[in-house]
Amino acid sequence: MGNFQELKVWQKSKDLAVYVYKITKEGPLAKDFGLKDQMQRSAVSIPSNIGEGDELDTSRQAIRHFYIAKGSSAELLTQAIIAHKIEYIDRKTYIHIERECESISSMLYKLIQVRNKNIR
């Protein structure tokens, strides 16, 4: 605990947040302030909650934040699905976000399992 920048899941989610900021700067998504803002917020929420959770004193507190990050990953994926369906993002961009969200969610699940063992 306490070295969140070394966690692969944090690194991966930080990179995804940067990617989301880049794709929301241009095209039709840039003009849809509501969806753009929601995508940016959910993307930033993932590494933010991983970092905050890892810095907290107990595994129980950390797990709570990891679950929030997992939820934010699902939220971002939902927004990407919508953005793709309304043709704000292309298939390649959507697939990249989908794969990253699924990978991050899986990594968070495993991290939660490990931290759960510290509680018992």
Protein backbone atom coordinates (compact mmCIF):
# COMPACT_ATOMS: atom_id res chain seq x y z
CA MET A 1 0.00 0.00 0.00
CA GLY A 2 1.08 3.54 -0.63
CA ASN A 3 2.90 3.13 -3.95
CA PHE A 4 -0.11 3.51 -6.22
CA GLN A 5 1.97 4.81 -9.15
CA GLU A 6 3.66 1.41 -9.30
CA LEU A 7 0.35 -0.44 -9.63
CA LYS A 8 -0.09 -1.64 -13.22
CA VAL A 9 -3.84 -1.03 -12.95
CA TRP A 10 -3.21 2.60 -11.95
CA GLN A 11 -0.76 3.07 -14.85
CA LYS A 12 -3.19 1.52 -17.32
CA SER A 13 -6.12 3.61 -16.07
CA LYS A 14 -4.07 6.81 -16.10
CA ASP A 15 -3.13 6.11 -19.71
CA LEU A 16 -6.80 5.53 -20.54
CA ALA A 17 -7.75 8.86 -18.95
CA VAL A 18 -5.12 10.64 -21.07
CA TYR A 19 -6.47 8.86 -24.16
CA VAL A 20 -10.04 9.94 -23.37
CA TYR A 21 -8.95 13.55 -22.97
CA LYS A 22 -7.21 13.40 -26.35
CA ILE A 23 -10.18 11.91 -28.23
CA THR A 24 -12.62 14.37 -26.68
CA LYS A 25 -10.65 17.41 -27.90
CA GLU A 26 -11.75 17.05 -31.52
CA GLY A 27 -14.67 16.03 -33.67
CA PRO A 28 -18.34 15.88 -32.72
CA LEU A 29 -17.57 14.66 -29.20
CA ALA A 30 -15.72 17.91 -28.47
CA LYS A 31 -18.93 19.85 -29.13
CA ASP A 32 -21.17 17.68 -26.95
CA PHE A 33 -20.17 19.21 -23.64
CA GLY A 34 -22.37 16.91 -21.57
CA LEU A 35 -21.08 13.60 -22.90
CA LYS A 36 -17.53 14.91 -23.22
CA ASP A 37 -17.55 16.03 -19.58
CA GLN A 38 -19.03 12.74 -18.36
CA MET A 39 -16.45 10.69 -20.25
CA GLN A 40 -13.60 12.79 -18.92
CA ARG A 41 -14.93 12.63 -15.36
CA SER A 42 -15.43 8.86 -15.36
CA ALA A 43 -12.03 8.30 -17.00
CA VAL A 44 -10.24 10.46 -14.41
CA SER A 45 -12.20 8.85 -11.59
CA ILE A 46 -10.64 5.45 -12.26
CA PRO A 47 -6.95 6.21 -11.51
CA SER A 48 -7.97 8.83 -8.92
CA ASN A 49 -9.88 6.29 -6.83
CA ILE A 50 -7.15 3.67 -7.25
CA GLY A 51 -4.57 6.17 -6.01
CA GLU A 52 -6.72 7.38 -3.14
CA GLY A 53 -7.64 3.86 -2.10
CA ASP A 54 -4.05 2.67 -2.13
CA GLU A 55 -2.99 5.58 0.08
CA LEU A 56 -5.58 4.86 2.78
CA ASP A 57 -4.70 3.09 6.00
CA THR A 58 -6.82 -0.05 5.74
CA SER A 59 -7.59 -2.65 3.13
CA ARG A 60 -11.31 -2.16 3.82
CA GLN A 61 -11.04 1.54 2.86
CA ALA A 62 -8.91 0.71 -0.18
CA ILE A 63 -11.39 -1.91 -1.41
CA ARG A 64 -14.23 0.61 -1.23
CA HIS A 65 -12.31 2.96 -3.53
CA PHE A 66 -11.31 0.12 -5.86
CA TYR A 67 -15.00 -0.73 -6.26
CA ILE A 68 -15.74 2.91 -7.07
CA ALA A 69 -12.97 2.80 -9.71
CA LYS A 70 -14.49 -0.40 -11.11
CA GLY A 71 -17.86 1.34 -11.33
CA SER A 72 -16.28 4.31 -13.10
CA SER A 73 -14.76 1.91 -15.63
CA ALA A 74 -18.24 0.53 -16.37
CA GLU A 75 -19.55 4.09 -16.60
CA LEU A 76 -16.87 5.04 -19.13
CA LEU A 77 -17.58 1.93 -21.18
CA THR A 78 -21.29 2.79 -21.24
CA GLN A 79 -20.50 6.31 -22.42
CA ALA A 80 -18.18 4.95 -25.12
CA ILE A 81 -20.94 2.62 -26.32
CA ILE A 82 -23.29 5.59 -26.61
CA ALA A 83 -20.63 7.75 -28.31
CA HIS A 84 -20.03 4.97 -30.83
CA LYS A 85 -23.75 4.38 -31.48
CA ILE A 86 -24.33 8.08 -32.22
CA GLU A 87 -21.20 8.12 -34.38
CA TYR A 88 -19.12 10.46 -32.22
CA ILE A 89 -16.27 7.93 -32.10
CA ASP A 90 -15.23 5.35 -34.67
CA ARG A 91 -15.14 1.59 -34.12
CA LYS A 92 -11.38 1.48 -33.57
CA THR A 93 -11.58 4.08 -30.79
CA TYR A 94 -14.55 2.32 -29.22
CA ILE A 95 -12.82 -1.08 -29.28
CA HIS A 96 -9.73 0.43 -27.63
CA ILE A 97 -11.80 1.91 -24.80
CA GLU A 98 -13.81 -1.30 -24.44
CA ARG A 99 -10.70 -3.48 -24.15
CA GLU A 100 -9.01 -1.12 -21.72
CA CYS A 101 -12.10 -0.86 -19.50
CA GLU A 102 -12.52 -4.63 -19.43
CA SER A 103 -8.84 -5.14 -18.63
CA ILE A 104 -8.88 -2.51 -15.87
CA SER A 105 -12.05 -3.97 -14.38
CA SER A 106 -10.49 -7.44 -14.34
CA MET A 107 -7.29 -6.13 -12.74
CA LEU A 108 -9.32 -4.28 -10.10
CA TYR A 109 -11.27 -7.45 -9.33
CA LYS A 110 -8.01 -9.30 -8.71
CA LEU A 111 -6.64 -6.45 -6.59
CA ILE A 112 -9.84 -6.46 -4.51
CA GLN A 113 -9.49 -10.22 -3.99
CA VAL A 114 -5.91 -9.78 -2.75
CA ARG A 115 -6.84 -6.93 -0.40
CA ASN A 116 -9.83 -8.92 0.90
CA LYS A 117 -7.40 -11.57 2.15
CA ASN A 118 -5.74 -8.89 4.33
CA ILE A 119 -9.04 -8.19 6.10
CA ARG A 120 -9.71 -11.73 7.31
